[in-house]
């Protein structure tokens, strides 16, 4: 065999950088290679191409990507595509274990190769390397640059051409362009949809003590989990729980149960904090029992509080009543500015003092003073996705039954009647080629209008509304044409150990799919709301 050097760095749990090498042979004509095992084969990559060797990291799966892609990982703030060599070579897949490693290569940007176990580093003389055309191999020789012969003349180590491997597996789809991307569709009544939207209002609804309330979506900055620790403020009103630190600012926290003198209840995972704006830089967090949905309602279905009730000062906080389901469902619309006096809340923050302006454990400074965007975050399987909040028309529960359309594409689950309008519903798991799931109470239908066609998409769970600073948003790796078209950006929240895949809503359906939906649901499905029955 070639002269071998022990690879002690691969036995460490911490990555060891080996930057600074070049790929030229030493003056004596020798070259160094990193050797590893995949199944029963031994492979090599030039030491100069290896940045580091790490243990298997936490992976975020990317839908519509090539089968060989395990997903992307967070490598100290950098997005690392991780590729499984077993899949590329057509070997059977196995579970990762303590010997599994990821060899991080420099291919213009970092790329990780999953290998079964490391071997060593070898120094090979030029005469021990043979061209691939002279030998037979179980691996496609187009992915090899040569073979390192052993001293016994029989054993061989295959030298991978990592650049060719990456180009073949991931760039071929990208180089084909974005064929099938959604374009403008002649004849779409977009202007009518815009006019109809002006006659509607969007509300974020939630539940407290079995009653349904809502804030206008324009007043809602974000929705976050109720933190475990809340700093109490002495001599504050009973409904004031205290203050918390959110995005490097102090946020007053109030209980709607206490404010409305409703029975107390134990805190659960369903509790959420709705952060509402009071104008300017002022905001307050309102603790709710649970978040229900985002409603898109015609202004004709929203009534001012009856005059008789407005005499009761306790009801001043309710600005209007929303009538849904033909009046069977009433939602009380709250006014944050009427509920809270910004001056009093400012005093609460001031009383806590500047010493509290530190970030809570595990909470990244997402705002940080830079440009930011607001996203609705939802889950599919174990991954998180985000869509711009402005693109979400409403979020509704999945009904018990959907009307199935004969001979419709498999990704269309069916249609529902959404307040008199036919809404096609897409199973987003099926659309992304993910495993199907049973219906659950957590699932929701997110409603978007895509180039004038109004459609609903079933997701596993809508988790929160959050603001993300521009410095945390990067370009997604280009792994396939369809993935590049749909998932163009990734929010990398290293402090929270989260990656959120940001979707381009206009690309959720291509031209052909939009045409199929039009044929199955009729041209009236253009985003205009129909009167409720």
Protein backbone atom coordinates (compact mmCIF):
# COMPACT_ATOMS: atom_id res chain seq x y z
CA UNK A 1 0.00 0.00 0.00
CA UNK A 2 1.10 3.67 -0.29
CA UNK A 3 2.81 5.25 2.67
CA UNK A 4 0.11 5.85 5.31
CA UNK A 5 -0.26 8.58 7.89
CA UNK A 6 -2.71 8.06 10.78
CA UNK A 7 -5.76 10.34 10.67
CA UNK A 8 -6.06 11.27 14.30
CA UNK A 9 -8.22 14.25 13.49
CA UNK A 10 -11.10 12.00 12.42
CA UNK A 11 -11.32 10.53 15.91
CA UNK A 12 -12.07 13.89 17.47
CA UNK A 13 -15.62 15.07 17.98
CA UNK A 14 -14.67 18.67 17.14
CA UNK A 15 -13.96 19.50 13.49
CA UNK A 16 -10.33 20.12 12.53
CA UNK A 17 -9.72 22.60 9.73
CA UNK A 18 -7.08 21.69 7.19
CA UNK A 19 -7.33 24.77 4.99
CA UNK A 20 -4.33 26.21 3.25
CA UNK A 21 -3.22 23.11 1.31
CA UNK A 22 -2.90 23.12 -2.47
CA UNK A 23 -3.61 20.26 -4.85
CA UNK A 24 -0.21 20.03 -6.47
CA UNK A 25 2.13 17.11 -5.98
CA UNK A 26 5.07 17.46 -3.64
CA UNK A 27 8.48 18.10 -5.23
CA UNK A 28 9.17 14.36 -5.05
CA UNK A 29 6.04 13.64 -7.13
CA UNK A 30 3.88 12.39 -4.26
CA UNK A 31 0.31 13.45 -3.42
CA UNK A 32 -1.74 13.16 -0.23
CA UNK A 33 -5.24 11.72 -0.06
CA UNK A 34 -7.89 11.28 2.65
CA UNK A 35 -9.17 7.69 2.64
CA UNK A 36 -12.62 6.56 3.81
CA UNK A 37 -14.99 3.59 3.54
CA UNK A 38 -18.44 3.40 1.91
CA UNK A 39 -19.94 -0.07 2.23
CA UNK A 40 -17.11 -2.47 1.28
CA UNK A 41 -15.29 0.00 -0.95
CA UNK A 42 -12.47 2.41 -0.18
CA UNK A 43 -12.42 5.90 -1.67
CA UNK A 44 -10.03 8.82 -1.62
CA UNK A 45 -10.25 12.57 -2.12
CA UNK A 46 -7.24 14.87 -2.40
CA UNK A 47 -6.28 16.27 0.98
CA UNK A 48 -6.16 19.75 -0.56
CA UNK A 49 -9.94 19.61 -1.25
CA UNK A 50 -10.86 18.64 2.33
CA UNK A 51 -11.79 21.52 4.61
CA UNK A 52 -12.67 19.47 7.69
CA UNK A 53 -14.16 16.19 8.91
CA UNK A 54 -17.14 16.30 11.31
CA UNK A 55 -19.62 13.99 12.96
CA UNK A 56 -23.10 13.67 11.43
CA UNK A 57 -24.83 17.02 12.16
CA UNK A 58 -28.52 17.82 12.59
CA UNK A 59 -30.09 17.83 9.13
CA UNK A 60 -32.90 19.92 7.60
CA UNK A 61 -34.55 17.97 4.78
CA UNK A 62 -35.22 19.83 1.52
CA UNK A 63 -38.28 18.78 -0.50
CA UNK A 64 -38.05 18.31 -4.28
CA UNK A 65 -34.27 17.83 -4.02
CA UNK A 66 -32.23 14.95 -5.54
CA UNK A 67 -32.49 11.64 -3.64
CA UNK A 68 -28.80 11.71 -2.72
CA UNK A 69 -29.18 14.92 -0.73
CA UNK A 70 -29.57 14.22 3.00
CA UNK A 71 -30.43 17.88 3.54
CA UNK A 72 -28.64 20.99 4.72
CA UNK A 73 -26.85 21.54 8.01
CA UNK A 74 -25.71 24.58 9.94
CA UNK A 75 -21.91 24.68 9.88
CA UNK A 76 -21.03 27.60 12.16
CA UNK A 77 -23.48 29.92 10.42
CA UNK A 78 -22.93 28.54 6.90
CA UNK A 79 -25.46 26.34 5.09
CA UNK A 80 -23.82 23.00 4.29
CA UNK A 81 -25.45 20.67 1.71
CA UNK A 82 -24.89 17.08 2.90
CA UNK A 83 -24.76 14.32 0.26
CA UNK A 84 -25.06 10.57 0.93
CA UNK A 85 -22.47 8.64 -1.09
CA UNK A 86 -24.33 5.36 -0.58
CA UNK A 87 -27.30 6.74 -2.51
CA UNK A 88 -25.10 8.13 -5.28
CA UNK A 89 -23.35 4.78 -5.74
CA UNK A 90 -26.60 2.78 -5.57
CA UNK A 91 -25.66 0.98 -2.34
CA UNK A 92 -28.33 0.03 0.20
CA UNK A 93 -28.98 2.72 2.81
CA UNK A 94 -28.08 2.14 6.46
CA UNK A 95 -28.70 4.10 9.64
CA UNK A 96 -25.97 6.49 10.73
CA UNK A 97 -23.91 5.41 13.74
CA UNK A 98 -20.93 6.52 15.83
CA UNK A 99 -18.48 5.87 13.00
CA UNK A 100 -20.43 7.91 10.41
CA UNK A 101 -18.58 11.04 9.35
CA UNK A 102 -19.14 13.94 6.99
CA UNK A 103 -16.14 14.91 4.86
CA UNK A 104 -16.51 18.63 4.10
CA UNK A 105 -15.04 19.55 0.72
CA UNK A 106 -14.37 22.92 -0.87
CA UNK A 107 -16.26 23.04 -4.18
CA UNK A 108 -16.47 26.80 -4.43
CA UNK A 109 -18.77 26.50 -1.43
CA UNK A 110 -18.70 23.80 1.28
CA UNK A 111 -20.27 20.43 0.42
CA UNK A 112 -20.41 17.48 2.86
CA UNK A 113 -20.09 13.81 1.85
CA UNK A 114 -21.54 11.21 4.26
CA UNK A 115 -19.16 8.24 4.62
CA UNK A 116 -19.44 5.06 6.69
CA UNK A 117 -16.10 5.49 8.48
CA UNK A 118 -12.71 7.11 8.09
CA UNK A 119 -9.50 5.21 7.39
CA UNK A 120 -6.36 7.33 7.16
CA UNK A 121 -4.34 9.82 5.15
CA UNK A 122 -1.96 8.33 2.60
CA UNK A 123 0.93 9.72 0.63
CA UNK A 124 0.94 8.18 -2.85
CA UNK A 125 3.76 8.19 -5.42
CA UNK A 126 2.81 9.09 -8.96
CA UNK A 127 3.54 5.58 -10.24
CA UNK A 128 0.99 4.09 -7.81
CA UNK A 129 -1.94 5.94 -9.43
CA UNK A 130 -3.62 4.36 -12.46
CA UNK A 131 -6.14 5.86 -14.88
CA UNK A 132 -9.73 4.63 -14.56
CA UNK A 133 -9.90 3.36 -18.13
CA UNK A 134 -7.57 0.49 -17.38
CA UNK A 135 -9.61 -1.09 -14.56
CA UNK A 136 -13.03 -2.42 -13.74
CA UNK A 137 -14.99 -0.90 -10.83
CA UNK A 138 -18.35 -1.25 -9.08
CA UNK A 139 -18.66 2.55 -9.27
CA UNK A 140 -19.31 4.69 -12.35
CA UNK A 141 -15.82 5.57 -13.54
CA UNK A 142 -17.05 8.99 -14.70
CA UNK A 143 -17.01 9.91 -11.01
CA UNK A 144 -13.38 8.82 -10.59
CA UNK A 145 -10.07 10.43 -11.54
CA UNK A 146 -7.93 7.37 -10.92
CA UNK A 147 -7.03 4.45 -8.68
CA UNK A 148 -4.36 4.16 -6.00
CA UNK A 149 -2.76 0.74 -6.24
CA UNK A 150 -1.75 -1.16 -3.14
CA UNK A 151 1.69 -2.65 -2.76
CA UNK A 152 0.15 -6.10 -3.23
CA UNK A 153 -0.99 -5.06 -6.70
CA UNK A 154 -4.58 -6.18 -5.97
CA UNK A 155 -6.08 -3.75 -3.49
CA UNK A 156 -7.37 -0.49 -4.96
CA UNK A 157 -8.55 2.84 -3.56
CA UNK A 158 -10.84 4.81 -5.90
CA UNK A 159 -10.08 8.54 -6.20
CA UNK A 160 -13.34 10.49 -6.36
CA UNK A 161 -13.85 13.40 -8.73
CA UNK A 162 -15.93 15.43 -6.26
CA UNK A 163 -16.55 18.23 -8.75
CA UNK A 164 -18.00 15.84 -11.33
CA UNK A 165 -20.10 14.14 -8.65
CA UNK A 166 -21.65 17.40 -7.48
CA UNK A 167 -22.26 18.64 -11.05
CA UNK A 168 -23.95 15.41 -12.12
CA UNK A 169 -26.17 15.02 -9.07
CA UNK A 170 -27.20 18.60 -8.43
CA UNK A 171 -26.38 21.03 -11.20
CA UNK A 172 -27.86 19.16 -14.14
CA UNK A 173 -31.37 19.99 -13.00
CA UNK A 174 -30.42 23.59 -12.32
CA UNK A 175 -28.69 24.01 -15.69
CA UNK A 176 -31.88 22.91 -17.42
CA UNK A 177 -33.29 26.18 -16.20
CA UNK A 178 -36.60 26.86 -14.58
CA UNK A 179 -38.80 25.35 -17.24
CA UNK A 180 -42.34 25.08 -16.05
CA UNK A 181 -42.01 28.09 -13.80
CA UNK A 182 -45.13 30.06 -13.26
CA UNK A 183 -45.51 32.96 -15.64
CA UNK A 184 -48.13 35.54 -16.28
CA UNK A 185 -51.41 34.01 -17.46
CA UNK A 186 -53.33 36.00 -19.98
CA UNK A 187 -56.87 36.77 -19.05
CA UNK A 188 -56.54 36.41 -15.27
CA UNK A 189 -58.94 38.80 -13.50
CA UNK A 190 -56.19 40.01 -11.15
CA UNK A 191 -57.58 43.53 -11.03
CA UNK A 192 -60.89 42.16 -9.78
CA UNK A 193 -59.12 40.20 -7.09
CA UNK A 194 -57.25 43.30 -5.93
CA UNK A 195 -60.47 45.27 -5.75
CA UNK A 196 -62.14 42.47 -3.82
CA UNK A 197 -59.23 42.36 -1.37
CA UNK A 198 -59.75 46.05 -0.61
CA UNK A 199 -63.27 45.20 0.55
CA UNK A 200 -62.00 42.61 3.02
CA UNK A 201 -60.21 42.58 6.34
CA UNK A 202 -57.86 39.97 7.76
CA UNK A 203 -58.04 38.94 11.40
CA UNK A 204 -55.88 36.72 13.60
CA UNK A 205 -58.32 34.77 15.78
CA UNK A 206 -57.58 33.05 19.07
CA UNK A 207 -59.41 31.46 21.96
CA UNK A 208 -59.60 32.41 25.62
CA UNK A 209 -61.84 30.48 28.03
CA UNK A 210 -63.83 29.00 25.16
CA UNK A 211 -64.56 32.41 23.62
CA UNK A 212 -63.22 33.54 20.24
CA UNK A 213 -61.47 36.90 19.86
CA UNK A 214 -59.39 38.47 17.12
CA UNK A 215 -56.97 41.30 16.35
CA UNK A 216 -56.68 42.89 12.89
CA UNK A 217 -53.68 41.28 11.23
CA UNK A 218 -52.07 44.68 10.71
CA UNK A 219 -51.81 45.11 14.48
CA UNK A 220 -50.09 41.73 15.01
CA UNK A 221 -46.30 41.89 14.88
CA UNK A 222 -45.60 38.24 15.66
CA UNK A 223 -46.79 35.21 17.64
CA UNK A 224 -44.35 33.44 19.97
CA UNK A 225 -44.36 30.71 22.58
CA UNK A 226 -45.09 31.73 26.18
CA UNK A 227 -41.65 31.81 27.90
CA UNK A 228 -40.97 29.87 31.06
CA UNK A 229 -39.56 32.90 32.89
CA UNK A 230 -41.42 36.21 33.27
CA UNK A 231 -40.03 39.09 35.33
CA UNK A 232 -42.74 40.44 37.64
CA UNK A 233 -43.14 44.20 38.03
CA UNK A 234 -44.13 45.42 41.55
CA UNK A 235 -47.30 47.47 42.00
CA UNK A 236 -48.60 46.69 38.50
CA UNK A 237 -52.22 45.99 37.55
CA UNK A 238 -53.50 42.43 38.21
CA UNK A 239 -53.72 41.60 34.53
CA UNK A 240 -50.05 42.52 33.97
CA UNK A 241 -47.95 39.36 34.21
CA UNK A 242 -44.65 41.24 33.96
CA UNK A 243 -42.06 41.82 31.25
CA UNK A 244 -40.00 39.52 29.04
CA UNK A 245 -37.04 40.09 26.75
CA UNK A 246 -37.91 39.57 23.09
CA UNK A 247 -35.50 40.40 20.28
CA UNK A 248 -33.32 42.58 22.55
CA UNK A 249 -36.20 44.68 23.83
CA UNK A 250 -38.40 44.56 26.92
CA UNK A 251 -41.99 43.56 26.18
CA UNK A 252 -44.84 44.01 28.69
CA UNK A 253 -46.92 40.84 29.04
CA UNK A 254 -50.61 40.83 29.96
CA UNK A 255 -53.20 38.10 30.50
CA UNK A 256 -56.44 38.46 28.57
CA UNK A 257 -58.08 36.05 31.04
CA UNK A 258 -57.33 38.36 33.94
CA UNK A 259 -58.22 41.48 32.00
CA UNK A 260 -61.66 40.09 31.16
CA UNK A 261 -62.11 38.53 34.64
CA UNK A 262 -62.34 35.02 33.18
CA UNK A 263 -61.64 31.86 35.25
CA UNK A 264 -57.93 31.04 35.67
CA UNK A 265 -56.40 28.08 33.84
CA UNK A 266 -53.16 26.13 33.91
CA UNK A 267 -50.42 27.04 31.43
CA UNK A 268 -49.99 24.53 28.56
CA UNK A 269 -47.94 24.22 25.38
CA UNK A 270 -50.91 25.66 23.47
CA UNK A 271 -50.53 29.06 25.17
CA UNK A 272 -49.19 31.70 22.81
CA UNK A 273 -48.15 35.33 23.12
CA UNK A 274 -49.62 37.61 20.46
CA UNK A 275 -47.39 40.68 20.11
CA UNK A 276 -49.56 43.62 19.05
CA UNK A 277 -48.50 47.11 18.07
CA UNK A 278 -49.68 50.18 19.95
CA UNK A 279 -48.21 52.63 17.45
CA UNK A 280 -44.65 53.84 17.07
CA UNK A 281 -42.19 51.56 18.82
CA UNK A 282 -44.69 50.51 21.49
CA UNK A 283 -45.93 46.91 21.63
CA UNK A 284 -47.47 44.55 24.18
CA UNK A 285 -47.66 40.78 24.42
CA UNK A 286 -51.13 39.34 25.07
CA UNK A 287 -51.30 35.78 26.42
CA UNK A 288 -53.93 33.61 24.71
CA UNK A 289 -55.11 30.06 25.42
CA UNK A 290 -54.50 29.06 21.80
CA UNK A 291 -54.32 30.47 18.29
CA UNK A 292 -57.16 29.43 15.98
CA UNK A 293 -56.72 30.76 12.46
CA UNK A 294 -56.24 33.72 10.15
CA UNK A 295 -59.60 34.93 8.85
CA UNK A 296 -60.25 36.79 5.62
CA UNK A 297 -63.65 38.39 6.02
CA UNK A 298 -65.77 40.75 3.96
CA UNK A 299 -66.20 44.09 5.70
CA UNK A 300 -69.93 43.61 5.22
CA UNK A 301 -69.79 40.87 7.87
CA UNK A 302 -68.22 43.11 10.51
CA UNK A 303 -70.58 45.17 12.67
CA UNK A 304 -69.81 47.92 15.15
CA UNK A 305 -70.64 47.16 18.77
CA UNK A 306 -74.37 47.72 19.43
CA UNK A 307 -75.06 51.07 21.07
CA UNK A 308 -76.63 49.44 24.12
CA UNK A 309 -73.43 47.47 24.79
CA UNK A 310 -71.10 50.44 24.30
CA UNK A 311 -72.59 51.96 27.46
CA UNK A 312 -70.84 49.20 29.39
CA UNK A 313 -67.29 50.48 29.82
CA UNK A 314 -66.06 46.94 30.42
CA UNK A 315 -66.79 46.24 26.74
CA UNK A 316 -64.83 49.22 25.43
CA UNK A 317 -61.99 46.88 24.50
CA UNK A 318 -64.18 45.16 21.87
CA UNK A 319 -64.35 47.38 18.80
CA UNK A 320 -66.55 45.22 16.54
CA UNK A 321 -68.29 41.88 16.09
CA UNK A 322 -67.49 39.62 13.13
CA UNK A 323 -70.34 37.40 11.87
CA UNK A 324 -69.32 34.08 10.32
CA UNK A 325 -71.22 30.99 9.17
CA UNK A 326 -74.39 32.96 8.62
CA UNK A 327 -74.23 34.51 12.10
CA UNK A 328 -73.79 31.21 13.95
CA UNK A 329 -70.19 32.06 14.81
CA UNK A 330 -69.40 35.43 16.39
CA UNK A 331 -65.86 36.71 16.85
CA UNK A 332 -65.13 39.71 19.08
CA UNK A 333 -62.65 42.05 17.36
CA UNK A 334 -60.31 43.74 19.84
CA UNK A 335 -58.61 47.11 19.60
CA UNK A 336 -55.13 47.04 21.12
CA UNK A 337 -54.95 50.82 21.30
CA UNK A 338 -58.21 50.99 23.28
CA UNK A 339 -57.20 48.12 25.55
CA UNK A 340 -53.82 49.45 26.61
CA UNK A 341 -52.46 52.90 27.32
CA UNK A 342 -48.97 53.08 25.87
CA UNK A 343 -47.78 55.47 28.58
CA UNK A 344 -48.53 53.03 31.39
CA UNK A 345 -46.80 50.18 29.57
CA UNK A 346 -43.75 52.39 28.96
CA UNK A 347 -43.56 52.98 32.71
CA UNK A 348 -43.55 49.21 33.27
CA UNK A 349 -40.61 48.82 30.93
CA UNK A 350 -38.77 51.75 32.49
CA UNK A 351 -39.35 50.35 35.99
CA UNK A 352 -37.61 47.13 35.02
CA UNK A 353 -34.48 49.10 34.13
CA UNK A 354 -31.80 48.90 31.52
CA UNK A 355 -30.12 45.99 33.32
CA UNK A 356 -32.75 43.63 32.00
CA UNK A 357 -31.96 44.35 28.36
CA UNK A 358 -30.15 41.08 27.78
CA UNK A 359 -31.28 38.30 25.52
CA UNK A 360 -32.98 35.35 27.17
CA UNK A 361 -31.18 32.03 26.96
CA UNK A 362 -31.57 30.49 23.53
CA UNK A 363 -33.20 33.61 22.06
CA UNK A 364 -31.30 35.12 19.12
CA UNK A 365 -31.39 38.84 18.42
CA UNK A 366 -33.41 38.42 15.26
CA UNK A 367 -34.34 42.07 14.88
CA UNK A 368 -31.01 43.63 15.70
CA UNK A 369 -31.92 46.92 14.03
CA UNK A 370 -31.45 45.72 10.43
CA UNK A 371 -34.05 45.28 7.70
CA UNK A 372 -36.46 42.52 8.57
CA UNK A 373 -39.28 40.53 7.04
CA UNK A 374 -42.33 38.96 8.65
CA UNK A 375 -43.17 35.32 7.99
CA UNK A 376 -45.84 32.80 8.92
CA UNK A 377 -43.98 29.64 9.96
CA UNK A 378 -45.51 26.20 9.48
CA UNK A 379 -44.39 22.58 9.73
CA UNK A 380 -44.33 19.65 7.34
CA UNK A 381 -43.00 16.45 8.90
CA UNK A 382 -40.03 17.60 10.99
CA UNK A 383 -39.08 20.66 8.97
CA UNK A 384 -40.08 24.31 9.23
CA UNK A 385 -41.15 26.47 6.31
CA UNK A 386 -41.91 30.16 6.10
CA UNK A 387 -44.07 32.29 3.79
CA UNK A 388 -44.33 36.09 3.76
CA UNK A 389 -47.22 37.13 5.98
CA UNK A 390 -48.57 39.42 3.25
CA UNK A 391 -49.13 36.41 0.99
CA UNK A 392 -51.32 34.54 3.51
CA UNK A 393 -54.96 35.38 2.89
CA UNK A 394 -56.30 33.23 5.69
CA UNK A 395 -55.69 30.06 7.67
CA UNK A 396 -58.60 27.71 8.35
CA UNK A 397 -59.13 24.31 9.89
CA UNK A 398 -59.26 21.22 7.71
CA UNK A 399 -62.89 20.08 7.47
CA UNK A 400 -63.84 16.52 8.25
CA UNK A 401 -64.71 15.85 4.63
CA UNK A 402 -63.49 17.30 1.34
CA UNK A 403 -65.29 16.86 -1.98
CA UNK A 404 -63.02 14.81 -4.24
CA UNK A 405 -62.88 15.62 -7.95
CA UNK A 406 -62.74 12.63 -10.31
CA UNK A 407 -59.65 12.39 -12.56
CA UNK A 408 -57.97 15.30 -10.76
CA UNK A 409 -54.19 15.28 -10.25
CA UNK A 410 -53.02 13.29 -7.21
CA UNK A 411 -51.77 16.40 -5.42
CA UNK A 412 -55.30 17.88 -5.24
CA UNK A 413 -56.97 16.55 -2.10
CA UNK A 414 -60.37 17.94 -3.10
CA UNK A 415 -62.41 21.12 -2.84
CA UNK A 416 -64.23 22.82 0.01
CA UNK A 417 -66.89 25.50 0.22
CA UNK A 418 -65.25 28.46 1.92
CA UNK A 419 -68.06 30.90 2.63
CA UNK A 420 -69.71 30.36 -0.73
CA UNK A 421 -66.53 30.12 -2.78
CA UNK A 422 -65.11 26.88 -4.20
CA UNK A 423 -61.58 26.41 -2.85
CA UNK A 424 -59.30 23.70 -4.28
CA UNK A 425 -57.14 22.12 -1.57
CA UNK A 426 -53.64 20.78 -2.21
CA UNK A 427 -52.02 18.22 0.09
CA UNK A 428 -48.65 19.89 0.57
CA UNK A 429 -46.99 16.69 1.79
CA UNK A 430 -47.99 14.94 -1.42
CA UNK A 431 -46.95 17.96 -3.48
CA UNK A 432 -43.47 17.78 -1.93
CA UNK A 433 -43.24 14.00 -2.28
CA UNK A 434 -43.27 13.46 1.50
CA UNK A 435 -44.83 10.62 3.44
CA UNK A 436 -48.62 10.93 3.90
CA UNK A 437 -50.09 11.52 7.36
CA UNK A 438 -53.36 10.99 9.15
CA UNK A 439 -55.67 13.96 9.69
CA UNK A 440 -55.18 15.73 13.03
CA UNK A 441 -56.52 18.75 14.91
CA UNK A 442 -53.22 20.56 14.39
CA UNK A 443 -53.45 20.57 10.60
CA UNK A 444 -54.49 23.77 8.86
CA UNK A 445 -55.29 24.99 5.35
CA UNK A 446 -53.24 28.03 4.33
CA UNK A 447 -54.98 30.03 1.62
CA UNK A 448 -53.00 31.88 -1.07
CA UNK A 449 -53.86 33.53 -4.38
CA UNK A 450 -51.31 32.44 -6.98
CA UNK A 451 -51.50 34.46 -10.20
CA UNK A 452 -55.19 35.07 -9.67
CA UNK A 453 -56.04 31.48 -8.71
CA UNK A 454 -57.12 31.03 -5.09
CA UNK A 455 -55.94 27.74 -3.55
CA UNK A 456 -55.55 26.13 -0.15
CA UNK A 457 -52.56 24.06 1.02
CA UNK A 458 -52.77 21.56 3.89
CA UNK A 459 -49.84 21.84 6.33
CA UNK A 460 -49.13 19.83 9.48
CA UNK A 461 -49.18 22.81 11.84
CA UNK A 462 -49.00 26.60 11.74
CA UNK A 463 -46.58 27.38 14.57
CA UNK A 464 -45.90 31.12 14.74
CA UNK A 465 -45.57 34.50 13.10
CA UNK A 466 -42.06 35.87 13.38
CA UNK A 467 -39.87 38.71 12.18
CA UNK A 468 -36.49 37.74 10.77
CA UNK A 469 -33.63 40.14 10.17
CA UNK A 470 -32.12 40.31 6.69
CA UNK A 471 -28.70 39.22 7.94
CA UNK A 472 -30.16 35.83 8.96
CA UNK A 473 -31.58 35.15 5.47
CA UNK A 474 -29.34 33.58 2.82
CA UNK A 475 -29.66 32.06 -0.61
CA UNK A 476 -30.69 28.40 -0.61
CA UNK A 477 -28.29 25.90 -2.19
CA UNK A 478 -29.17 25.18 -5.84
CA UNK A 479 -29.92 21.47 -5.71
CA UNK A 480 -32.54 20.95 -8.42
CA UNK A 481 -34.48 23.09 -10.87
CA UNK A 482 -37.79 22.68 -9.04
CA UNK A 483 -36.25 23.24 -5.61
CA UNK A 484 -34.39 26.33 -6.85
CA UNK A 485 -37.62 27.76 -8.23
CA UNK A 486 -39.64 27.11 -5.07
CA UNK A 487 -37.14 27.42 -2.20
CA UNK A 488 -34.82 30.30 -3.00
CA UNK A 489 -33.91 31.42 0.51
CA UNK A 490 -33.22 29.93 3.94
CA UNK A 491 -33.42 31.64 7.34
CA UNK A 492 -30.48 30.38 9.38
CA UNK A 493 -31.24 31.08 13.07
CA UNK A 494 -28.08 29.67 14.57
CA UNK A 495 -28.90 30.89 18.10
CA UNK A 496 -32.11 28.84 18.09
CA UNK A 497 -30.53 25.95 16.16
CA UNK A 498 -33.22 26.34 13.51
CA UNK A 499 -33.30 26.55 9.74
CA UNK A 500 -36.50 27.77 8.12
CA UNK A 501 -37.01 27.11 4.40
CA UNK A 502 -38.58 30.21 2.82
CA UNK A 503 -41.02 29.48 0.00
CA UNK A 504 -41.78 31.59 -3.05
CA UNK A 505 -45.59 31.48 -3.02
CA UNK A 506 -45.91 32.39 -6.71
CA UNK A 507 -44.06 29.18 -7.57
CA UNK A 508 -46.12 26.75 -5.48
CA UNK A 509 -48.04 25.78 -8.62
CA UNK A 510 -46.72 25.83 -12.17
CA UNK A 511 -48.63 26.91 -15.25
CA UNK A 512 -49.97 23.45 -16.00
CA UNK A 513 -51.15 22.87 -12.44
CA UNK A 514 -52.87 26.25 -12.37
CA UNK A 515 -54.67 25.32 -15.57
CA UNK A 516 -55.84 22.03 -14.05
CA UNK A 517 -57.21 23.83 -10.99
CA UNK A 518 -59.05 26.30 -13.22
CA UNK A 519 -60.66 23.47 -15.15
CA UNK A 520 -61.73 21.64 -11.99
CA UNK A 521 -63.03 24.56 -9.97
CA UNK A 522 -64.20 27.11 -12.51
CA UNK A 523 -62.98 30.60 -13.31
CA UNK A 524 -64.79 32.11 -10.35
CA UNK A 525 -61.94 30.91 -8.16
CA UNK A 526 -59.88 34.08 -8.56
CA UNK A 527 -59.50 35.39 -5.05
CA UNK A 528 -62.80 37.29 -4.97
CA UNK A 529 -64.91 36.41 -1.95
CA UNK A 530 -68.49 35.37 -2.58
CA UNK A 531 -71.30 36.39 -0.24
CA UNK A 532 -71.90 33.95 2.61
CA UNK A 533 -74.95 31.79 2.32
